[in-house]
Amino acid sequence: MSFALIWIITLASIALMLLRPWGIPEVVWTSAGALSLCLLRLIPWSLARHAVAEGVDVYLFLAGMMLLSELAKVQGVFDWLAGIAVKRGDGSPRRLFTLIYSVGTVVTIFMSNDATAVVLTPAVLSAIKQAGAKPMPYLLACAMIANAASFVLPISNPANLVVFHNAMPPLPAWLRMFALPSLVAVVSTYGLLRWYSRRELQESCRGAAPRARLSHLGKISLGGILVVAAVLLIASALKLDLGLPTCLAAVAVACVAWIWERSNPIHLLRQVSWSVLPLVAALFVMLEAVQRAGAAQWLHTAFVRSAAWPPAASAFALGGAVGFGTNLVNNLPLGLIVGTTLRSGSFPHLLEQTVLVGVDLGPNLSVTGSLATILWLMALRRQGLHVSSWEFMKAGLFILPISLLLTIAAIMLLQII
């Protein structure tokens, strides 16, 4: 009975987080779910504290990226990028779609998928309104590339940190494992989403002039982004945890901007969505409870059994199961539990690769799947645009199965080569 209650509370909390009844913020529902599990003694307080502590590296990573993203937003970097895309689109919605998708790919790779969801999305929405185009294809592009490009580099997704944790592969090994699958995921998602949005992309739009120039502080912010990306690539190559370097580098860049502008940092700090951190911590607590409900043992058994199958069968079955599973419990907590399961035994590297692809790409099915898509939905709501979960899922039901299948096939091709 207690195990069933754990699952009910967890799934209800995630559903309420997405629906936001009575306009209550998302973090309230996840925190209430985690607190309920503790008060009902479904999980000991000591284990809840341990679960929260397990996410420190993720919190630091998110904090650094959110600070850097907000700084770039305030200085107009993302508006500048979106404006350039609109101008170069030259009235062609299909060309504009390609440019927005390309900008989202670059931002995701070097600033994480959360930056694409939180900061690029509002800038794209503003630019698209100026261009007079229908917004959904471009907004969906921001959301889906945030997941499709999120395993190009270890720094592209916080979920990568929780899956591998202390066993993060060095950068050269990572690129050998994921460069081709990432390319397939990005290209296939682009092609499928463009075909899905073909009717909206047939109507012409007008080109809008971008901001004339990026301000000096905007250039400093853009340079800071590149510096932070370089720091993270070095940290990844040295097999260091990425959270602390991300946070320290972002704070250093922000301090340079504050000193140069002689501005009060409090204003910028107030703009950062700090509620994301307790939201993620609550998800980790619910994950710990789900593990106690038998999920860890069930997953270990499933991994052991699938490892005995032919490689292709185990890769497609496990990658598909994890990919669709992210949409039930979110990819951050699921990434943590599957990562723990992988480290509990000697499983083939093939399973590690397919599991990560499932964790990162799977959330393209629904807005529940990843923190990035949840933040994307939150960002649109703050802009007064309400996109239903079903509207996202209609696209995901068409796009995800095909792109996931092709991406896992690319992993299998690497095994042959």
Protein backbone atom coordinates (compact mmCIF):
# COMPACT_ATOMS: atom_id res chain seq x y z
CA MET A 1 0.00 0.00 0.00
CA SER A 2 2.80 2.44 0.91
CA PHE A 3 4.54 1.76 -2.41
CA ALA A 4 1.35 2.56 -4.31
CA LEU A 5 0.93 5.76 -2.28
CA ILE A 6 4.48 6.84 -3.17
CA TRP A 7 3.74 6.50 -6.87
CA ILE A 8 0.39 8.30 -6.52
CA ILE A 9 1.93 11.27 -4.69
CA THR A 10 4.85 11.49 -7.12
CA LEU A 11 2.76 11.37 -10.28
CA ALA A 12 0.13 13.70 -8.83
CA SER A 13 2.79 16.26 -7.89
CA ILE A 14 4.25 16.23 -11.40
CA ALA A 15 0.78 16.55 -12.95
CA LEU A 16 -0.13 19.48 -10.68
CA MET A 17 3.21 21.11 -11.43
CA LEU A 18 2.29 21.14 -15.13
CA LEU A 19 -1.37 22.10 -14.74
CA ARG A 20 -0.74 24.82 -12.11
CA PRO A 21 -4.31 24.90 -10.75
CA TRP A 22 -5.32 28.28 -9.26
CA GLY A 23 -2.09 29.72 -10.69
CA ILE A 24 0.01 28.26 -7.88
CA PRO A 25 3.71 28.15 -8.92
CA GLU A 26 5.25 24.86 -10.07
CA VAL A 27 7.74 24.69 -7.21
CA VAL A 28 4.92 24.65 -4.65
CA TRP A 29 3.47 21.44 -6.04
CA THR A 30 6.77 19.56 -6.23
CA SER A 31 7.79 20.76 -2.78
CA ALA A 32 4.40 19.74 -1.39
CA GLY A 33 4.82 16.29 -2.91
CA ALA A 34 8.29 15.83 -1.42
CA LEU A 35 7.15 17.15 1.97
CA SER A 36 4.10 14.85 1.95
CA LEU A 37 6.31 11.82 1.39
CA CYS A 38 8.37 12.79 4.44
CA LEU A 39 5.41 13.69 6.70
CA LEU A 40 3.64 10.43 5.84
CA ARG A 41 6.90 8.60 6.66
CA LEU A 42 7.04 7.09 3.22
CA ILE A 43 10.66 8.20 3.15
CA PRO A 44 12.83 8.95 6.24
CA TRP A 45 13.97 12.54 6.70
CA SER A 46 17.58 11.38 6.65
CA LEU A 47 17.14 9.84 3.19
CA ALA A 48 15.37 12.97 1.97
CA ARG A 49 18.33 15.09 3.10
CA HIS A 50 20.69 12.65 1.39
CA ALA A 51 18.65 12.89 -1.83
CA VAL A 52 18.82 16.70 -1.76
CA ALA A 53 22.58 16.60 -1.12
CA GLU A 54 23.07 14.26 -4.10
CA GLY A 55 22.00 17.06 -6.41
CA VAL A 56 24.55 19.68 -5.30
CA ASP A 57 26.55 19.46 -8.54
CA VAL A 58 23.36 19.90 -10.56
CA TYR A 59 22.26 22.89 -8.46
CA LEU A 60 25.61 24.60 -8.95
CA PHE A 61 25.50 23.92 -12.68
CA LEU A 62 21.97 25.29 -12.98
CA ALA A 63 22.74 28.32 -10.82
CA GLY A 64 25.76 29.23 -12.93
CA MET A 65 23.95 28.76 -16.22
CA MET A 66 20.87 30.69 -15.06
CA LEU A 67 23.03 33.59 -13.87
CA LEU A 68 24.99 33.68 -17.12
CA SER A 69 21.80 33.36 -19.19
CA GLU A 70 20.09 36.16 -17.30
CA LEU A 71 23.13 38.40 -17.75
CA ALA A 72 23.12 37.70 -21.50
CA LYS A 73 19.38 38.33 -21.62
CA VAL A 74 19.63 41.69 -19.83
CA GLN A 75 22.43 42.78 -22.17
CA GLY A 76 20.36 41.82 -25.22
CA VAL A 77 22.49 38.92 -26.48
CA PHE A 78 19.54 36.61 -27.16
CA ASP A 79 17.39 39.37 -28.63
CA TRP A 80 20.33 40.20 -30.90
CA LEU A 81 20.68 36.58 -32.02
CA ALA A 82 16.94 36.17 -32.62
CA GLY A 83 16.82 39.49 -34.48
CA ILE A 84 19.64 38.43 -36.78
CA ALA A 85 17.79 35.20 -37.52
CA VAL A 86 14.64 37.15 -38.45
CA LYS A 87 16.56 39.54 -40.69
CA ARG A 88 18.44 36.76 -42.44
CA GLY A 89 15.17 34.88 -42.83
CA ASP A 90 14.27 37.64 -45.32
CA GLY A 91 10.55 36.95 -45.18
CA SER A 92 10.87 33.19 -45.73
CA PRO A 93 9.32 31.25 -42.82
CA ARG A 94 11.19 28.07 -43.78
CA ARG A 95 14.55 29.86 -43.82
CA LEU A 96 13.65 31.57 -40.54
CA PHE A 97 12.75 28.18 -39.01
CA THR A 98 16.16 26.80 -40.04
CA LEU A 99 17.98 29.79 -38.58
CA ILE A 100 16.08 29.68 -35.27
CA TYR A 101 16.73 25.95 -35.04
CA SER A 102 20.44 26.53 -35.71
CA VAL A 103 20.70 29.24 -33.05
CA GLY A 104 18.93 26.95 -30.56
CA THR A 105 21.37 24.15 -31.42
CA VAL A 106 24.41 26.32 -30.68
CA VAL A 107 22.93 27.70 -27.45
CA THR A 108 22.02 24.21 -26.25
CA ILE A 109 25.44 22.77 -27.01
CA PHE A 110 27.46 25.44 -25.24
CA MET A 111 25.03 26.84 -22.62
CA SER A 112 22.85 23.81 -21.83
CA ASN A 113 19.31 23.03 -22.88
CA ASP A 114 17.89 25.04 -19.99
CA ALA A 115 19.33 28.27 -21.44
CA THR A 116 17.55 27.55 -24.73
CA ALA A 117 14.29 26.92 -22.91
CA VAL A 118 14.43 29.78 -20.42
CA VAL A 119 16.15 32.66 -22.21
CA LEU A 120 16.20 32.01 -25.96
CA THR A 121 12.51 31.10 -26.15
CA PRO A 122 11.16 34.53 -25.00
CA ALA A 123 13.61 36.28 -27.35
CA VAL A 124 12.44 34.11 -30.26
CA LEU A 125 8.79 34.77 -29.39
CA SER A 126 9.40 38.53 -29.39
CA ALA A 127 11.25 38.40 -32.72
CA ILE A 128 8.62 36.17 -34.33
CA LYS A 129 5.87 38.59 -33.31
CA GLN A 130 7.80 41.38 -35.03
CA ALA A 131 8.06 39.22 -38.15
CA GLY A 132 4.32 38.51 -38.14
CA ALA A 133 4.84 34.73 -38.33
CA LYS A 134 2.83 32.01 -36.60
CA PRO A 135 4.85 31.26 -33.46
CA MET A 136 4.32 27.55 -32.78
CA PRO A 137 6.84 26.03 -35.24
CA TYR A 138 9.61 28.26 -33.89
CA LEU A 139 8.68 27.76 -30.25
CA LEU A 140 8.53 24.00 -30.75
CA ALA A 141 11.95 24.25 -32.41
CA CYS A 142 13.35 25.85 -29.24
CA ALA A 143 11.86 23.14 -27.03
CA MET A 144 12.82 20.16 -29.16
CA ILE A 145 16.35 21.20 -30.04
CA ALA A 146 16.88 21.79 -26.31
CA ASN A 147 16.53 18.02 -25.94
CA ALA A 148 17.83 16.78 -29.31
CA ALA A 149 21.18 18.60 -29.01
CA SER A 150 21.57 17.99 -25.29
CA PHE A 151 24.09 15.16 -25.55
CA VAL A 152 26.49 16.76 -28.04
CA LEU A 153 28.71 17.69 -25.06
CA PRO A 154 28.60 16.70 -21.38
CA ILE A 155 27.76 20.33 -20.52
CA SER A 156 24.73 20.44 -22.81
CA ASN A 157 22.31 18.96 -20.27
CA PRO A 158 22.31 18.71 -16.46
CA ALA A 159 20.87 15.21 -16.89
CA ASN A 160 24.26 14.11 -18.28
CA LEU A 161 25.77 14.94 -14.89
CA VAL A 162 23.33 12.76 -12.98
CA VAL A 163 23.51 9.79 -15.36
CA PHE A 164 27.31 9.47 -15.26
CA HIS A 165 28.02 11.35 -12.00
CA ASN A 166 31.62 10.50 -10.99
CA ALA A 167 32.04 8.18 -13.98
CA MET A 168 31.73 10.95 -16.59
CA PRO A 169 33.77 9.95 -19.70
CA PRO A 170 36.56 12.35 -20.72
CA LEU A 171 35.68 14.65 -23.61
CA PRO A 172 37.44 12.67 -26.42
CA ALA A 173 35.67 9.47 -25.34
CA TRP A 174 32.36 11.33 -25.09
CA LEU A 175 32.68 12.64 -28.63
CA ARG A 176 33.51 9.18 -29.96
CA MET A 177 30.36 7.80 -28.33
CA PHE A 178 27.90 10.59 -29.03
CA ALA A 179 29.03 12.77 -31.96
CA LEU A 180 27.27 10.69 -34.63
CA PRO A 181 24.11 9.94 -32.58
CA SER A 182 23.85 13.64 -31.69
CA LEU A 183 24.09 14.61 -35.35
CA VAL A 184 21.36 12.12 -36.23
CA ALA A 185 19.13 13.37 -33.38
CA VAL A 186 19.54 17.03 -34.38
CA VAL A 187 19.03 16.47 -38.12
CA SER A 188 16.14 14.02 -37.81
CA THR A 189 14.30 16.21 -35.29
CA TYR A 190 14.74 19.19 -37.61
CA GLY A 191 13.40 17.33 -40.63
CA LEU A 192 10.46 15.81 -38.80
CA LEU A 193 9.45 19.04 -37.05
CA ARG A 194 9.73 21.02 -40.26
CA TRP A 195 7.47 18.52 -42.04
CA TYR A 196 5.04 18.52 -39.10
CA SER A 197 4.87 22.34 -39.24
CA ARG A 198 4.74 22.55 -43.04
CA ARG A 199 1.33 24.31 -43.16
CA GLU A 200 2.34 27.09 -40.76
CA LEU A 201 5.63 27.50 -42.63
CA GLN A 202 3.89 28.10 -45.96
CA GLU A 203 2.61 31.55 -45.01
CA SER A 204 4.97 34.41 -45.68
CA CYS A 205 6.28 36.69 -42.97
CA ARG A 206 8.11 39.98 -42.98
CA GLY A 207 11.76 40.50 -42.13
CA ALA A 208 12.41 42.68 -39.10
CA ALA A 209 15.62 44.56 -38.53
CA PRO A 210 17.69 43.25 -35.62
CA ARG A 211 19.16 45.49 -32.98
CA ALA A 212 21.65 47.74 -34.74
CA ARG A 213 24.60 46.67 -32.64
CA LEU A 214 25.37 44.57 -29.65
CA SER A 215 26.31 46.83 -26.76
CA HIS A 216 29.77 46.72 -25.25
CA LEU A 217 28.41 44.92 -22.20
CA GLY A 218 26.57 42.59 -24.54
CA LYS A 219 29.87 41.74 -26.18
CA ILE A 220 31.40 41.14 -22.75
CA SER A 221 28.49 38.81 -21.91
CA LEU A 222 28.86 36.96 -25.21
CA GLY A 223 32.62 36.64 -24.64
CA GLY A 224 31.92 35.42 -21.12
CA ILE A 225 29.66 32.70 -22.49
CA LEU A 226 32.48 31.50 -24.73
CA VAL A 227 34.94 31.60 -21.81
CA VAL A 228 32.59 29.59 -19.58
CA ALA A 229 32.07 27.07 -22.39
CA ALA A 230 35.86 26.71 -22.72
CA VAL A 231 36.23 26.26 -18.94
CA LEU A 232 33.59 23.56 -18.94
CA LEU A 233 35.16 21.72 -21.86
CA ILE A 234 38.49 21.74 -20.01
CA ALA A 235 36.82 20.53 -16.81
CA SER A 236 35.07 17.79 -18.77
CA ALA A 237 38.34 16.73 -20.39
CA LEU A 238 39.93 16.54 -16.92
CA LYS A 239 36.97 14.46 -15.63
CA LEU A 240 36.06 17.09 -13.04
CA ASP A 241 32.57 17.75 -11.71
CA LEU A 242 31.02 20.49 -13.82
CA GLY A 243 28.80 22.22 -11.27
CA LEU A 244 31.37 24.22 -9.32
CA PRO A 245 33.41 25.36 -12.38
CA THR A 246 30.18 26.48 -14.05
CA CYS A 247 29.05 28.47 -11.04
CA LEU A 248 32.44 30.09 -10.37
CA ALA A 249 33.00 31.01 -14.03
CA ALA A 250 29.51 32.51 -14.34
CA VAL A 251 29.97 34.55 -11.16
CA ALA A 252 33.33 35.82 -12.46
CA VAL A 253 31.79 36.94 -15.76
CA ALA A 254 28.88 38.60 -13.94
CA CYS A 255 31.28 40.43 -11.62
CA VAL A 256 33.22 41.80 -14.60
CA ALA A 257 29.96 43.09 -16.10
CA TRP A 258 28.80 44.61 -12.80
CA ILE A 259 32.12 46.36 -12.23
CA TRP A 260 32.25 47.64 -15.82
CA GLU A 261 28.68 48.93 -15.66
CA ARG A 262 28.95 49.98 -11.99
CA SER A 263 25.51 48.47 -11.45
CA ASN A 264 23.80 46.93 -8.45
CA PRO A 265 23.94 43.11 -8.78
CA ILE A 266 20.77 42.68 -6.69
CA HIS A 267 18.54 43.63 -9.63
CA LEU A 268 20.01 40.93 -11.86
CA LEU A 269 19.95 38.32 -9.11
CA ARG A 270 16.25 38.99 -8.57
CA GLN A 271 15.55 38.18 -12.22
CA VAL A 272 17.01 34.67 -11.98
CA SER A 273 14.42 31.90 -11.53
CA TRP A 274 15.88 30.56 -8.29
CA SER A 275 12.71 28.54 -7.67
CA VAL A 276 14.08 26.03 -10.18
CA LEU A 277 16.59 24.82 -7.57
CA PRO A 278 14.07 23.71 -4.89
CA LEU A 279 11.91 22.31 -7.70
CA VAL A 280 14.79 20.06 -8.78
CA ALA A 281 15.63 19.18 -5.15
CA ALA A 282 12.02 18.08 -4.60
CA LEU A 283 12.23 15.88 -7.70
CA PHE A 284 15.30 14.21 -6.22
CA VAL A 285 13.43 13.50 -2.98
CA MET A 286 10.54 11.96 -4.91
CA LEU A 287 13.03 9.88 -6.86
CA GLU A 288 14.51 8.52 -3.63
CA ALA A 289 11.02 7.52 -2.52
CA VAL A 290 10.33 5.84 -5.86
CA GLN A 291 13.57 3.91 -5.47
CA ARG A 292 12.36 2.69 -2.08
CA ALA A 293 9.15 1.64 -3.79
CA GLY A 294 11.11 -0.96 -5.74
CA ALA A 295 12.03 0.99 -8.88
CA ALA A 296 15.78 0.49 -8.39
CA GLN A 297 15.48 -3.27 -7.98
CA TRP A 298 13.10 -3.52 -10.91
CA LEU A 299 15.45 -1.50 -13.12
CA HIS A 300 18.48 -3.57 -12.14
CA THR A 301 16.63 -6.77 -13.02
CA ALA A 302 15.50 -5.27 -16.34
CA PHE A 303 19.06 -4.17 -17.17
CA VAL A 304 20.49 -7.59 -16.36
CA ARG A 305 17.90 -9.35 -18.50
CA SER A 306 18.23 -6.96 -21.43
CA ALA A 307 22.04 -7.27 -21.34
CA ALA A 308 21.61 -10.96 -22.13
CA TRP A 309 19.64 -10.22 -25.29
CA PRO A 310 21.21 -9.62 -28.71
CA PRO A 311 22.83 -6.15 -28.69
CA ALA A 312 20.36 -4.58 -31.13
CA ALA A 313 17.33 -5.88 -29.24
CA SER A 314 18.63 -4.70 -25.86
CA ALA A 315 19.62 -1.26 -27.23
CA PHE A 316 16.27 -0.52 -28.86
CA ALA A 317 14.22 -1.97 -25.99
CA LEU A 318 16.13 -0.22 -23.20
CA GLY A 319 16.58 3.08 -25.05
CA GLY A 320 12.90 3.15 -25.94
CA ALA A 321 11.75 2.23 -22.43
CA VAL A 322 13.93 4.90 -20.80
CA GLY A 323 12.95 7.46 -23.44
CA PHE A 324 9.24 6.99 -22.82
CA GLY A 325 9.81 6.63 -19.06
CA THR A 326 11.21 10.15 -18.81
CA ASN A 327 7.75 11.46 -19.57
CA LEU A 328 6.32 9.74 -16.51
CA VAL A 329 8.80 10.84 -13.83
CA ASN A 330 10.98 13.50 -15.57
CA ASN A 331 14.44 12.80 -16.96
CA LEU A 332 16.49 14.27 -14.10
CA PRO A 333 15.28 11.86 -11.41
CA LEU A 334 15.07 8.99 -13.91
CA GLY A 335 18.60 9.80 -15.10
CA LEU A 336 19.82 9.56 -11.51
CA ILE A 337 18.18 6.20 -10.90
CA VAL A 338 19.30 4.62 -14.20
CA GLY A 339 22.78 6.05 -13.69
CA THR A 340 22.92 4.47 -10.23
CA THR A 341 21.69 1.20 -11.72
CA LEU A 342 24.38 1.27 -14.43
CA ARG A 343 27.09 1.81 -11.82
CA SER A 344 25.77 -1.07 -9.72
CA GLY A 345 26.90 -3.67 -12.25
CA SER A 346 29.21 -4.30 -15.19
CA PHE A 347 26.90 -3.43 -18.06
CA PRO A 348 28.07 -2.99 -21.67
CA HIS A 349 28.92 0.52 -22.86
CA LEU A 350 26.20 0.09 -25.48
CA LEU A 351 23.58 0.19 -22.72
CA GLU A 352 25.14 3.33 -21.22
CA GLN A 353 24.90 5.09 -24.58
CA THR A 354 21.31 4.09 -25.28
CA VAL A 355 20.22 4.96 -21.74
CA LEU A 356 21.69 8.47 -22.04
CA VAL A 357 20.03 8.98 -25.42
CA GLY A 358 16.72 7.88 -23.90
CA VAL A 359 17.16 10.25 -20.95
CA ASP A 360 18.11 13.25 -23.12
CA LEU A 361 15.99 12.75 -26.25
CA GLY A 362 12.96 11.05 -24.68
CA PRO A 363 11.49 14.29 -23.26
CA ASN A 364 10.60 15.42 -26.78
CA LEU A 365 7.40 13.42 -26.30
CA SER A 366 5.79 15.60 -23.63
CA VAL A 367 6.39 18.66 -21.47
CA THR A 368 6.73 16.46 -18.39
CA GLY A 369 9.87 14.84 -19.80
CA SER A 370 12.66 17.23 -18.86
CA LEU A 371 13.40 20.28 -16.78
CA ALA A 372 14.10 22.13 -20.06
CA THR A 373 10.59 21.53 -21.44
CA ILE A 374 9.03 22.43 -18.08
CA LEU A 375 11.04 25.67 -18.05
CA TRP A 376 10.04 26.26 -21.68
CA LEU A 377 6.39 26.02 -20.70
CA MET A 378 6.97 28.31 -17.72
CA ALA A 379 8.77 30.86 -19.93
CA LEU A 380 5.84 30.95 -22.37
CA ARG A 381 3.34 31.35 -19.54
CA ARG A 382 5.29 34.35 -18.23
CA GLN A 383 4.97 35.85 -21.73
CA GLY A 384 1.19 35.37 -21.63
CA LEU A 385 1.17 32.52 -24.17
CA HIS A 386 -0.55 29.35 -23.00
CA VAL A 387 0.51 26.21 -24.84
CA SER A 388 -1.36 23.07 -23.82
CA SER A 389 0.43 19.86 -22.94
CA TRP A 390 -1.57 18.13 -25.66
CA GLU A 391 -0.38 20.59 -28.30
CA PHE A 392 3.22 19.67 -27.49
CA MET A 393 2.45 15.96 -27.29
CA LYS A 394 0.79 15.89 -30.71
CA ALA A 395 4.10 16.94 -32.22
CA GLY A 396 6.07 14.65 -29.91
CA LEU A 397 4.05 11.56 -30.78
CA PHE A 398 5.07 12.02 -34.40
CA ILE A 399 8.65 13.21 -33.94
CA LEU A 400 10.10 11.34 -30.97
CA PRO A 401 9.60 7.66 -31.96
CA ILE A 402 11.26 8.17 -35.35
CA SER A 403 14.13 10.34 -34.12
CA LEU A 404 14.79 8.02 -31.16
CA LEU A 405 14.80 4.99 -33.45
CA LEU A 406 17.24 6.62 -35.87
CA THR A 407 19.52 7.83 -33.07
CA ILE A 408 19.78 4.40 -31.48
CA ALA A 409 20.42 2.97 -34.94
CA ALA A 410 23.37 5.40 -35.19
CA ILE A 411 24.73 4.00 -31.91
CA MET A 412 24.44 0.49 -33.32
CA LEU A 413 26.30 1.63 -36.45
CA LEU A 414 29.18 2.83 -34.26
CA GLN A 415 29.40 -0.65 -32.73
CA ILE A 416 29.83 -2.13 -36.22
CA ILE A 417 32.41 0.45 -37.30
